[in-house]
Full PDB file with SEQRES, HELIX, SHEET, SSBOND, CRYST1, ORIGX, SCALE, CONECT and MASTER records, all heavy atoms in Angstrom:
SEQRES   1 A   40  MET GLU ALA THR ASP ARG TYR ILE ARG GLU THR ALA GLY          
SEQRES   2 A   40  THR GLY PRO ALA SER GLU ALA ASP GLN LEU ALA LYS LEU          
SEQRES   3 A   40  SER GLU VAL ARG ALA ARG GLY ASP ILE SER GLU GLU GLU          
SEQRES   4 A   40  PHE                                                          
HELIX    1 AA1 GLU A    2  ALA A   12  1                                  11    
HELIX    2 AA2 GLU A   19  ARG A   32  1                                  14    
CRYST1    1.000    1.000    1.000  90.00  90.00  90.00 P 1           1          
ORIGX1      1.000000  0.000000  0.000000        0.00000                         
ORIGX2      0.000000  1.000000  0.000000        0.00000                         
ORIGX3      0.000000  0.000000  1.000000        0.00000                         
SCALE1      1.000000  0.000000  0.000000        0.00000                         
SCALE2      0.000000  1.000000  0.000000        0.00000                         
SCALE3      0.000000  0.000000  1.000000        0.00000                         
ATOM      1  N   MET A   1      -1.408  62.218  49.784  1.00  0.00           N  
ATOM      2  CA  MET A   1      -0.428  62.250  50.876  1.00  0.00           C  
ATOM      3  C   MET A   1      -0.854  61.323  52.010  1.00  0.00           C  
ATOM      4  O   MET A   1      -0.031  60.580  52.558  1.00  0.00           O  
ATOM      5  CB  MET A   1      -0.264  63.676  51.393  1.00  0.00           C  
ATOM      6  CG  MET A   1       0.738  63.796  52.509  1.00  0.00           C  
ATOM      7  SD  MET A   1       2.413  63.542  51.958  1.00  0.00           S  
ATOM      8  CE  MET A   1       2.788  65.162  51.397  1.00  0.00           C  
ATOM      9  N   GLU A   2      -2.135  61.345  52.361  1.00  0.00           N  
ATOM     10  CA  GLU A   2      -2.630  60.464  53.412  1.00  0.00           C  
ATOM     11  C   GLU A   2      -2.505  58.999  53.019  1.00  0.00           C  
ATOM     12  O   GLU A   2      -2.133  58.162  53.841  1.00  0.00           O  
ATOM     13  CB  GLU A   2      -4.077  60.805  53.750  1.00  0.00           C  
ATOM     14  CG  GLU A   2      -4.238  62.128  54.472  1.00  0.00           C  
ATOM     15  CD  GLU A   2      -5.692  62.571  54.590  1.00  0.00           C  
ATOM     16  OE1 GLU A   2      -6.588  61.830  54.118  1.00  0.00           O  
ATOM     17  OE2 GLU A   2      -5.917  63.658  55.134  1.00  0.00           O  
ATOM     18  N   ALA A   3      -2.789  58.685  51.766  1.00  0.00           N  
ATOM     19  CA  ALA A   3      -2.650  57.306  51.301  1.00  0.00           C  
ATOM     20  C   ALA A   3      -1.191  56.870  51.344  1.00  0.00           C  
ATOM     21  O   ALA A   3      -0.890  55.730  51.744  1.00  0.00           O  
ATOM     22  CB  ALA A   3      -3.214  57.159  49.891  1.00  0.00           C  
ATOM     23  N   THR A   4      -0.291  57.753  50.951  1.00  0.00           N  
ATOM     24  CA  THR A   4       1.138  57.432  51.006  1.00  0.00           C  
ATOM     25  C   THR A   4       1.596  57.228  52.442  1.00  0.00           C  
ATOM     26  O   THR A   4       2.312  56.260  52.741  1.00  0.00           O  
ATOM     27  CB  THR A   4       1.964  58.553  50.341  1.00  0.00           C  
ATOM     28  OG1 THR A   4       1.522  58.724  49.003  1.00  0.00           O  
ATOM     29  CG2 THR A   4       3.445  58.244  50.371  1.00  0.00           C  
ATOM     30  N   ASP A   5       1.180  58.118  53.335  1.00  0.00           N  
ATOM     31  CA  ASP A   5       1.550  57.974  54.749  1.00  0.00           C  
ATOM     32  C   ASP A   5       1.005  56.683  55.340  1.00  0.00           C  
ATOM     33  O   ASP A   5       1.700  55.993  56.093  1.00  0.00           O  
ATOM     34  CB  ASP A   5       1.043  59.170  55.558  1.00  0.00           C  
ATOM     35  CG  ASP A   5       1.787  60.453  55.231  1.00  0.00           C  
ATOM     36  OD1 ASP A   5       2.863  60.375  54.603  1.00  0.00           O  
ATOM     37  OD2 ASP A   5       1.278  61.533  55.590  1.00  0.00           O  
ATOM     38  N   ARG A   6      -0.237  56.346  55.018  1.00  0.00           N  
ATOM     39  CA  ARG A   6      -0.848  55.113  55.516  1.00  0.00           C  
ATOM     40  C   ARG A   6      -0.083  53.891  54.998  1.00  0.00           C  
ATOM     41  O   ARG A   6       0.202  52.959  55.750  1.00  0.00           O  
ATOM     42  CB  ARG A   6      -2.314  55.045  55.106  1.00  0.00           C  
ATOM     43  CG  ARG A   6      -3.070  53.879  55.690  1.00  0.00           C  
ATOM     44  CD  ARG A   6      -4.555  53.920  55.384  1.00  0.00           C  
ATOM     45  NE  ARG A   6      -4.790  54.445  54.226  1.00  0.00           N  
ATOM     46  CZ  ARG A   6      -5.418  55.403  53.527  1.00  0.00           C  
ATOM     47  NH1 ARG A   6      -5.939  55.853  53.733  1.00  0.00           N  
ATOM     48  NH2 ARG A   6      -5.566  55.925  52.477  1.00  0.00           N  
ATOM     49  N   TYR A   7       0.285  53.923  53.718  1.00  0.00           N  
ATOM     50  CA  TYR A   7       1.054  52.818  53.141  1.00  0.00           C  
ATOM     51  C   TYR A   7       2.412  52.674  53.825  1.00  0.00           C  
ATOM     52  O   TYR A   7       2.842  51.570  54.154  1.00  0.00           O  
ATOM     53  CB  TYR A   7       1.248  53.036  51.641  1.00  0.00           C  
ATOM     54  CG  TYR A   7       2.170  52.032  51.015  1.00  0.00           C  
ATOM     55  CD1 TYR A   7       1.745  50.736  50.764  1.00  0.00           C  
ATOM     56  CD2 TYR A   7       3.481  52.371  50.694  1.00  0.00           C  
ATOM     57  CE1 TYR A   7       2.595  49.802  50.195  1.00  0.00           C  
ATOM     58  CE2 TYR A   7       4.340  51.448  50.136  1.00  0.00           C  
ATOM     59  CZ  TYR A   7       3.892  50.163  49.889  1.00  0.00           C  
ATOM     60  OH  TYR A   7       4.745  49.252  49.344  1.00  0.00           O  
ATOM     61  N   ILE A   8       3.072  53.796  54.071  1.00  0.00           N  
ATOM     62  CA  ILE A   8       4.383  53.755  54.730  1.00  0.00           C  
ATOM     63  C   ILE A   8       4.247  53.207  56.138  1.00  0.00           C  
ATOM     64  O   ILE A   8       5.049  52.363  56.569  1.00  0.00           O  
ATOM     65  CB  ILE A   8       5.039  55.155  54.728  1.00  0.00           C  
ATOM     66  CG1 ILE A   8       5.444  55.537  53.309  1.00  0.00           C  
ATOM     67  CG2 ILE A   8       6.245  55.205  55.654  1.00  0.00           C  
ATOM     68  CD1 ILE A   8       5.891  56.966  53.150  1.00  0.00           C  
ATOM     69  N   ARG A   9       3.221  53.654  56.882  1.00  0.00           N  
ATOM     70  CA  ARG A   9       3.024  53.151  58.247  1.00  0.00           C  
ATOM     71  C   ARG A   9       2.742  51.654  58.245  1.00  0.00           C  
ATOM     72  O   ARG A   9       3.259  50.921  59.081  1.00  0.00           O  
ATOM     73  CB  ARG A   9       1.889  53.901  58.935  1.00  0.00           C  
ATOM     74  CG  ARG A   9       2.287  55.261  59.478  1.00  0.00           C  
ATOM     75  CD  ARG A   9       1.234  55.824  60.411  1.00  0.00           C  
ATOM     76  NE  ARG A   9      -0.040  56.060  59.758  1.00  0.00           N  
ATOM     77  CZ  ARG A   9      -0.355  57.148  59.070  1.00  0.00           C  
ATOM     78  NH1 ARG A   9       0.531  58.108  58.938  1.00  0.00           N  
ATOM     79  NH2 ARG A   9      -1.534  57.286  58.514  1.00  0.00           N  
ATOM     80  N   GLU A  10       1.910  51.191  57.303  1.00  0.00           N  
ATOM     81  CA  GLU A  10       1.590  49.766  57.240  1.00  0.00           C  
ATOM     82  C   GLU A  10       2.806  48.944  56.847  1.00  0.00           C  
ATOM     83  O   GLU A  10       3.011  47.847  57.362  1.00  0.00           O  
ATOM     84  CB  GLU A  10       0.465  49.520  56.232  1.00  0.00           C  
ATOM     85  CG  GLU A  10      -0.874  50.034  56.675  1.00  0.00           C  
ATOM     86  CD  GLU A  10      -1.926  49.966  55.581  1.00  0.00           C  
ATOM     87  OE1 GLU A  10      -1.596  49.517  54.461  1.00  0.00           O  
ATOM     88  OE2 GLU A  10      -3.071  50.363  55.843  1.00  0.00           O  
ATOM     89  N   THR A  11       3.597  49.455  55.930  1.00  0.00           N  
ATOM     90  CA  THR A  11       4.757  48.714  55.451  1.00  0.00           C  
ATOM     91  C   THR A  11       5.890  48.705  56.473  1.00  0.00           C  
ATOM     92  O   THR A  11       6.512  47.670  56.709  1.00  0.00           O  
ATOM     93  CB  THR A  11       5.278  49.323  54.135  1.00  0.00           C  
ATOM     94  OG1 THR A  11       4.209  49.338  53.195  1.00  0.00           O  
ATOM     95  CG2 THR A  11       6.412  48.520  53.568  1.00  0.00           C  
ATOM     96  N   ALA A  12       6.148  49.840  57.087  1.00  0.00           N  
ATOM     97  CA  ALA A  12       7.276  49.949  58.008  1.00  0.00           C  
ATOM     98  C   ALA A  12       6.939  49.456  59.405  1.00  0.00           C  
ATOM     99  O   ALA A  12       7.833  49.181  60.186  1.00  0.00           O  
ATOM    100  CB  ALA A  12       7.743  51.395  58.077  1.00  0.00           C  
ATOM    101  N   GLY A  13       5.689  49.342  59.727  1.00  0.00           N  
ATOM    102  CA  GLY A  13       5.312  48.953  61.088  1.00  0.00           C  
ATOM    103  C   GLY A  13       5.012  50.188  61.909  1.00  0.00           C  
ATOM    104  O   GLY A  13       4.871  51.288  61.400  1.00  0.00           O  
ATOM    105  N   THR A  14       4.937  50.001  63.205  1.00  0.00           N  
ATOM    106  CA  THR A  14       4.546  51.108  64.076  1.00  0.00           C  
ATOM    107  C   THR A  14       5.658  52.117  64.290  1.00  0.00           C  
ATOM    108  O   THR A  14       5.408  53.255  64.588  1.00  0.00           O  
ATOM    109  CB  THR A  14       4.102  50.572  65.448  1.00  0.00           C  
ATOM    110  OG1 THR A  14       5.184  49.807  66.000  1.00  0.00           O  
ATOM    111  CG2 THR A  14       2.867  49.714  65.315  1.00  0.00           C  
ATOM    112  N   GLY A  15       6.887  51.702  64.166  1.00  0.00           N  
ATOM    113  CA  GLY A  15       7.987  52.634  64.361  1.00  0.00           C  
ATOM    114  C   GLY A  15       9.228  51.872  64.770  1.00  0.00           C  
ATOM    115  O   GLY A  15       9.226  50.646  64.848  1.00  0.00           O  
ATOM    116  N   PRO A  16      10.295  52.576  65.074  1.00  0.00           N  
ATOM    117  CA  PRO A  16      11.514  51.894  65.452  1.00  0.00           C  
ATOM    118  C   PRO A  16      11.365  51.194  66.804  1.00  0.00           C  
ATOM    119  O   PRO A  16      10.804  51.745  67.740  1.00  0.00           O  
ATOM    120  CB  PRO A  16      12.553  53.014  65.513  1.00  0.00           C  
ATOM    121  CG  PRO A  16      11.773  54.260  65.692  1.00  0.00           C  
ATOM    122  CD  PRO A  16      10.440  54.015  65.051  1.00  0.00           C  
ATOM    123  N   ALA A  17      11.846  49.971  66.846  1.00  0.00           N  
ATOM    124  CA  ALA A  17      11.758  49.204  68.087  1.00  0.00           C  
ATOM    125  C   ALA A  17      12.823  49.696  69.058  1.00  0.00           C  
ATOM    126  O   ALA A  17      13.895  50.137  68.666  1.00  0.00           O  
ATOM    127  CB  ALA A  17      11.948  47.723  67.796  1.00  0.00           C  
ATOM    128  N   SER A  18      12.520  49.599  70.334  1.00  0.00           N  
ATOM    129  CA  SER A  18      13.491  50.009  71.335  1.00  0.00           C  
ATOM    130  C   SER A  18      14.595  48.959  71.429  1.00  0.00           C  
ATOM    131  O   SER A  18      14.474  47.848  70.906  1.00  0.00           O  
ATOM    132  CB  SER A  18      12.798  50.182  72.685  1.00  0.00           C  
ATOM    133  OG  SER A  18      12.353  48.911  73.143  1.00  0.00           O  
ATOM    134  N   GLU A  19      15.652  49.319  72.103  1.00  0.00           N  
ATOM    135  CA  GLU A  19      16.764  48.378  72.266  1.00  0.00           C  
ATOM    136  C   GLU A  19      16.313  47.122  72.993  1.00  0.00           C  
ATOM    137  O   GLU A  19      16.728  46.014  72.645  1.00  0.00           O  
ATOM    138  CB  GLU A  19      17.908  49.051  73.024  1.00  0.00           C  
ATOM    139  CG  GLU A  19      18.626  50.113  72.232  1.00  0.00           C  
ATOM    140  CD  GLU A  19      19.723  50.787  73.038  1.00  0.00           C  
ATOM    141  OE1 GLU A  19      19.928  50.425  74.216  1.00  0.00           O  
ATOM    142  OE2 GLU A  19      20.375  51.672  72.476  1.00  0.00           O  
ATOM    143  N   ALA A  20      15.459  47.314  73.987  1.00  0.00           N  
ATOM    144  CA  ALA A  20      14.990  46.154  74.756  1.00  0.00           C  
ATOM    145  C   ALA A  20      14.180  45.211  73.867  1.00  0.00           C  
ATOM    146  O   ALA A  20      14.335  43.975  73.954  1.00  0.00           O  
ATOM    147  CB  ALA A  20      14.150  46.617  75.943  1.00  0.00           C  
ATOM    148  N   ASP A  21      13.327  45.777  72.985  1.00  0.00           N  
ATOM    149  CA  ASP A  21      12.543  44.939  72.080  1.00  0.00           C  
ATOM    150  C   ASP A  21      13.446  44.191  71.107  1.00  0.00           C  
ATOM    151  O   ASP A  21      13.238  43.007  70.840  1.00  0.00           O  
ATOM    152  CB  ASP A  21      11.545  45.794  71.285  1.00  0.00           C  
ATOM    153  CG  ASP A  21      10.451  46.375  72.152  1.00  0.00           C  
ATOM    154  OD1 ASP A  21      10.190  45.811  73.239  1.00  0.00           O  
ATOM    155  OD2 ASP A  21       9.865  47.398  71.729  1.00  0.00           O  
ATOM    156  N   GLN A  22      14.454  44.878  70.596  1.00  0.00           N  
ATOM    157  CA  GLN A  22      15.371  44.236  69.659  1.00  0.00           C  
ATOM    158  C   GLN A  22      16.161  43.117  70.342  1.00  0.00           C  
ATOM    159  O   GLN A  22      16.352  42.042  69.767  1.00  0.00           O  
ATOM    160  CB  GLN A  22      16.325  45.271  69.066  1.00  0.00           C  
ATOM    161  CG  GLN A  22      15.655  46.239  68.117  1.00  0.00           C  
ATOM    162  CD  GLN A  22      16.609  47.304  67.609  1.00  0.00           C  
ATOM    163  OE1 GLN A  22      17.746  47.430  68.081  1.00  0.00           O  
ATOM    164  NE2 GLN A  22      16.144  48.089  66.645  1.00  0.00           N  
ATOM    165  N   LEU A  23      16.597  43.365  71.581  1.00  0.00           N  
ATOM    166  CA  LEU A  23      17.330  42.330  72.308  1.00  0.00           C  
ATOM    167  C   LEU A  23      16.433  41.143  72.622  1.00  0.00           C  
ATOM    168  O   LEU A  23      16.884  39.987  72.568  1.00  0.00           O  
ATOM    169  CB  LEU A  23      17.942  42.907  73.592  1.00  0.00           C  
ATOM    170  CG  LEU A  23      19.098  43.882  73.388  1.00  0.00           C  
ATOM    171  CD1 LEU A  23      19.531  44.497  74.701  1.00  0.00           C  
ATOM    172  CD2 LEU A  23      20.259  43.201  72.704  1.00  0.00           C  
ATOM    173  N   ALA A  24      15.164  41.403  72.951  1.00  0.00           N  
ATOM    174  CA  ALA A  24      14.233  40.311  73.223  1.00  0.00           C  
ATOM    175  C   ALA A  24      14.017  39.461  71.981  1.00  0.00           C  
ATOM    176  O   ALA A  24      13.994  38.220  72.063  1.00  0.00           O  
ATOM    177  CB  ALA A  24      12.907  40.874  73.723  1.00  0.00           C  
ATOM    178  N   LYS A  25      13.885  40.101  70.841  1.00  0.00           N  
ATOM    179  CA  LYS A  25      13.724  39.349  69.592  1.00  0.00           C  
ATOM    180  C   LYS A  25      14.978  38.534  69.281  1.00  0.00           C  
ATOM    181  O   LYS A  25      14.885  37.392  68.828  1.00  0.00           O  
ATOM    182  CB  LYS A  25      13.395  40.298  68.439  1.00  0.00           C  
ATOM    183  CG  LYS A  25      12.007  40.860  68.496  1.00  0.00           C  
ATOM    184  CD  LYS A  25      11.739  41.802  67.345  1.00  0.00           C  
ATOM    185  CE  LYS A  25      10.353  42.421  67.465  1.00  0.00           C  
ATOM    186  NZ  LYS A  25      10.085  43.371  66.385  1.00  0.00           N  
ATOM    187  N   LEU A  26      16.137  39.133  69.507  1.00  0.00           N  
ATOM    188  CA  LEU A  26      17.384  38.408  69.286  1.00  0.00           C  
ATOM    189  C   LEU A  26      17.469  37.181  70.196  1.00  0.00           C  
ATOM    190  O   LEU A  26      17.906  36.105  69.777  1.00  0.00           O  
ATOM    191  CB  LEU A  26      18.587  39.316  69.537  1.00  0.00           C  
ATOM    192  CG  LEU A  26      19.014  40.216  68.393  1.00  0.00           C  
ATOM    193  CD1 LEU A  26      20.119  41.165  68.829  1.00  0.00           C  
ATOM    194  CD2 LEU A  26      19.456  39.410  67.196  1.00  0.00           C  
ATOM    195  N   SER A  27      17.054  37.327  71.441  1.00  0.00           N  
ATOM    196  CA  SER A  27      17.079  36.199  72.379  1.00  0.00           C  
ATOM    197  C   SER A  27      16.146  35.090  71.918  1.00  0.00           C  
ATOM    198  O   SER A  27      16.487  33.898  72.022  1.00  0.00           O  
ATOM    199  CB  SER A  27      16.679  36.656  73.779  1.00  0.00           C  
ATOM    200  OG  SER A  27      17.638  37.551  74.280  1.00  0.00           O  
ATOM    201  N   GLU A  28      14.973  35.467  71.408  1.00  0.00           N  
ATOM    202  CA  GLU A  28      14.038  34.458  70.900  1.00  0.00           C  
ATOM    203  C   GLU A  28      14.629  33.709  69.715  1.00  0.00           C  
ATOM    204  O   GLU A  28      14.507  32.486  69.609  1.00  0.00           O  
ATOM    205  CB  GLU A  28      12.719  35.119  70.481  1.00  0.00           C  
ATOM    206  CG  GLU A  28      11.877  35.639  71.613  1.00  0.00           C  
ATOM    207  CD  GLU A  28      10.657  36.411  71.126  1.00  0.00           C  
ATOM    208  OE1 GLU A  28      10.306  36.298  69.923  1.00  0.00           O  
ATOM    209  OE2 GLU A  28      10.064  37.138  71.932  1.00  0.00           O  
ATOM    210  N   VAL A  29      15.272  34.458  68.808  1.00  0.00           N  
ATOM    211  CA  VAL A  29      15.870  33.825  67.630  1.00  0.00           C  
ATOM    212  C   VAL A  29      16.995  32.871  68.064  1.00  0.00           C  
ATOM    213  O   VAL A  29      17.126  31.763  67.550  1.00  0.00           O  
ATOM    214  CB  VAL A  29      16.392  34.907  66.649  1.00  0.00           C  
ATOM    215  CG1 VAL A  29      17.215  34.292  65.542  1.00  0.00           C  
ATOM    216  CG2 VAL A  29      15.235  35.712  66.078  1.00  0.00           C  
ATOM    217  N   ARG A  30      17.786  33.287  69.043  1.00  0.00           N  
ATOM    218  CA  ARG A  30      18.869  32.423  69.554  1.00  0.00           C  
ATOM    219  C   ARG A  30      18.293  31.194  70.246  1.00  0.00           C  
ATOM    220  O   ARG A  30      18.800  30.078  70.072  1.00  0.00           O  
ATOM    221  CB  ARG A  30      19.756  33.200  70.511  1.00  0.00           C  
ATOM    222  CG  ARG A  30      20.919  32.354  71.050  1.00  0.00           C  
ATOM    223  CD  ARG A  30      21.719  33.094  72.045  1.00  0.00           C  
ATOM    224  NE  ARG A  30      20.863  33.405  73.190  1.00  0.00           N  
ATOM    225  CZ  ARG A  30      21.277  33.884  74.343  1.00  0.00           C  
ATOM    226  NH1 ARG A  30      22.559  34.139  74.506  1.00  0.00           N  
ATOM    227  NH2 ARG A  30      20.460  34.143  75.319  1.00  0.00           N  
ATOM    228  N   ALA A  31      17.199  31.398  71.011  1.00  0.00           N  
ATOM    229  CA  ALA A  31      16.589  30.273  71.715  1.00  0.00           C  
ATOM    230  C   ALA A  31      16.032  29.243  70.737  1.00  0.00           C  
ATOM    231  O   ALA A  31      16.053  28.034  71.015  1.00  0.00           O  
ATOM    232  CB  ALA A  31      15.491  30.774  72.650  1.00  0.00           C  
ATOM    233  N   ARG A  32      15.536  29.685  69.600  1.00  0.00           N  
ATOM    234  CA  ARG A  32      15.027  28.747  68.589  1.00  0.00           C  
ATOM    235  C   ARG A  32      16.160  28.034  67.873  1.00  0.00           C  
ATOM    236  O   ARG A  32      15.936  27.040  67.194  1.00  0.00           O  
ATOM    237  CB  ARG A  32      14.176  29.491  67.552  1.00  0.00           C  
ATOM    238  CG  ARG A  32      12.821  29.906  68.043  1.00  0.00           C  
ATOM    239  CD  ARG A  32      11.934  30.362  66.887  1.00  0.00           C  
ATOM    240  NE  ARG A  32      12.598  31.316  66.019  1.00  0.00           N  
ATOM    241  CZ  ARG A  32      12.235  32.587  65.855  1.00  0.00           C  
ATOM    242  NH1 ARG A  32      11.194  33.050  66.506  1.00  0.00           N  
ATOM    243  NH2 ARG A  32      12.896  33.377  65.050  1.00  0.00           N  
ATOM    244  N   GLY A  33      17.357  28.566  67.985  1.00  0.00           N  
ATOM    245  CA  GLY A  33      18.505  27.951  67.332  1.00  0.00           C  
ATOM    246  C   GLY A  33      18.733  28.459  65.923  1.00  0.00           C  
ATOM    247  O   GLY A  33      19.496  27.855  65.168  1.00  0.00           O  
ATOM    248  N   ASP A  34      18.100  29.559  65.577  1.00  0.00           N  
ATOM    249  CA  ASP A  34      18.258  30.094  64.220  1.00  0.00           C  
ATOM    250  C   ASP A  34      19.604  30.794  64.033  1.00  0.00           C  
ATOM    251  O   ASP A  34      20.092  30.907  62.912  1.00  0.00           O  
ATOM    252  CB  ASP A  34      17.128  31.072  63.897  1.00  0.00           C  
ATOM    253  CG  ASP A  34      15.781  30.366  63.786  1.00  0.00           C  
ATOM    254  OD1 ASP A  34      15.781  29.140  63.574  1.00  0.00           O  
ATOM    255  OD2 ASP A  34      14.739  31.053  63.896  1.00  0.00           O  
ATOM    256  N   ILE A  35      20.185  31.308  65.135  1.00  0.00           N  
ATOM    257  CA  ILE A  35      21.506  31.937  65.049  1.00  0.00           C  
ATOM    258  C   ILE A  35      22.398  31.330  66.127  1.00  0.00           C  
ATOM    259  O   ILE A  35      21.933  30.833  67.154  1.00  0.00           O  
ATOM    260  CB  ILE A  35      21.428  33.480  65.214  1.00  0.00           C  
ATOM    261  CG1 ILE A  35      20.825  33.870  66.556  1.00  0.00           C  
ATOM    262  CG2 ILE A  35      20.684  34.108  64.060  1.00  0.00           C  
ATOM    263  CD1 ILE A  35      20.891  35.363  66.843  1.00  0.00           C  
ATOM    264  N   SER A  36      23.682  31.418  65.869  1.00  0.00           N  
ATOM    265  CA  SER A  36      24.648  30.876  66.835  1.00  0.00           C  
ATOM    266  C   SER A  36      24.906  31.904  67.932  1.00  0.00           C  
ATOM    267  O   SER A  36      24.476  33.055  67.853  1.00  0.00           O  
ATOM    268  CB  SER A  36      25.953  30.520  66.122  1.00  0.00           C  
ATOM    269  OG  SER A  36      26.578  31.708  65.666  1.00  0.00           O  
ATOM    270  N   GLU A  37      25.663  31.463  68.949  1.00  0.00           N  
ATOM    271  CA  GLU A  37      26.011  32.354  70.059  1.00  0.00           C  
ATOM    272  C   GLU A  37      26.872  33.518  69.565  1.00  0.00           C  
ATOM    273  O   GLU A  37      26.688  34.657  70.001  1.00  0.00           O  
ATOM    274  CB  GLU A  37      26.752  31.557  71.138  1.00  0.00           C  
ATOM    275  CG  GLU A  37      26.997  32.326  72.413  1.00  0.00           C  
ATOM    276  CD  GLU A  37      25.712  32.678  73.150  1.00  0.00           C  
ATOM    277  OE1 GLU A  37      24.747  31.894  73.110  1.00  0.00           O  
ATOM    278  OE2 GLU A  37      25.675  33.767  73.744  1.00  0.00           O  
ATOM    279  N   GLU A  38      27.770  33.249  68.629  1.00  0.00           N  
ATOM    280  CA  GLU A  38      28.635  34.293  68.086  1.00  0.00           C  
ATOM    281  C   GLU A  38      27.818  35.319  67.296  1.00  0.00           C  
ATOM    282  O   GLU A  38      28.018  36.531  67.425  1.00  0.00           O  
ATOM    283  CB  GLU A  38      29.711  33.670  67.191  1.00  0.00           C  
ATOM    284  CG  GLU A  38      30.666  34.662  66.566  1.00  0.00           C  
ATOM    285  CD  GLU A  38      31.469  35.460  67.592  1.00  0.00           C  
ATOM    286  OE1 GLU A  38      31.760  34.944  68.683  1.00  0.00           O  
ATOM    287  OE2 GLU A  38      31.777  36.624  67.285  1.00  0.00           O  
ATOM    288  N   GLU A  39      26.876  34.850  66.460  1.00  0.00           N  
ATOM    289  CA  GLU A  39      26.006  35.770  65.711  1.00  0.00           C  
ATOM    290  C   GLU A  39      25.147  36.597  66.659  1.00  0.00           C  
ATOM    291  O   GLU A  39      24.914  37.785  66.422  1.00  0.00           O  
ATOM    292  CB  GLU A  39      25.119  34.976  64.745  1.00  0.00           C  
ATOM    293  CG  GLU A  39      25.879  34.322  63.611  1.00  0.00           C  
ATOM    294  CD  GLU A  39      25.010  33.368  62.805  1.00  0.00           C  
ATOM    295  OE1 GLU A  39      24.100  32.740  63.376  1.00  0.00           O  
ATOM    296  OE2 GLU A  39      25.255  33.276  61.580  1.00  0.00           O  
ATOM    297  N   PHE A  40      24.701  35.976  67.759  1.00  0.00           N  
ATOM    298  CA  PHE A  40      23.903  36.704  68.752  1.00  0.00           C  
ATOM    299  C   PHE A  40      24.723  37.827  69.361  1.00  0.00           C  
ATOM    300  O   PHE A  40      24.240  38.946  69.518  1.00  0.00           O  
ATOM    301  CB  PHE A  40      23.416  35.737  69.836  1.00  0.00           C  
ATOM    302  CG  PHE A  40      22.732  36.430  70.984  1.00  0.00           C  
ATOM    303  CD1 PHE A  40      21.457  36.938  70.846  1.00  0.00           C  
ATOM    304  CD2 PHE A  40      23.393  36.603  72.197  1.00  0.00           C  
ATOM    305  CE1 PHE A  40      20.829  37.586  71.897  1.00  0.00           C  
ATOM    306  CE2 PHE A  40      22.774  37.250  73.248  1.00  0.00           C  
ATOM    307  CZ  PHE A  40      21.488  37.738  73.098  1.00  0.00           C  
TER     308      PHE A  40                                                      
MASTER        0    0    0    2    0    0    0    6  307    1    0    4          
END                                                                             
């Protein structure tokens, strides 16, 4: 069980990102030009 939990934590990351973190990542992706203004 501990090995499974450790694997899940490593694979999924630390946990769900907050809205602010998600918006910051979206802004970075838009700034790099990877997505358009409409996709943003």
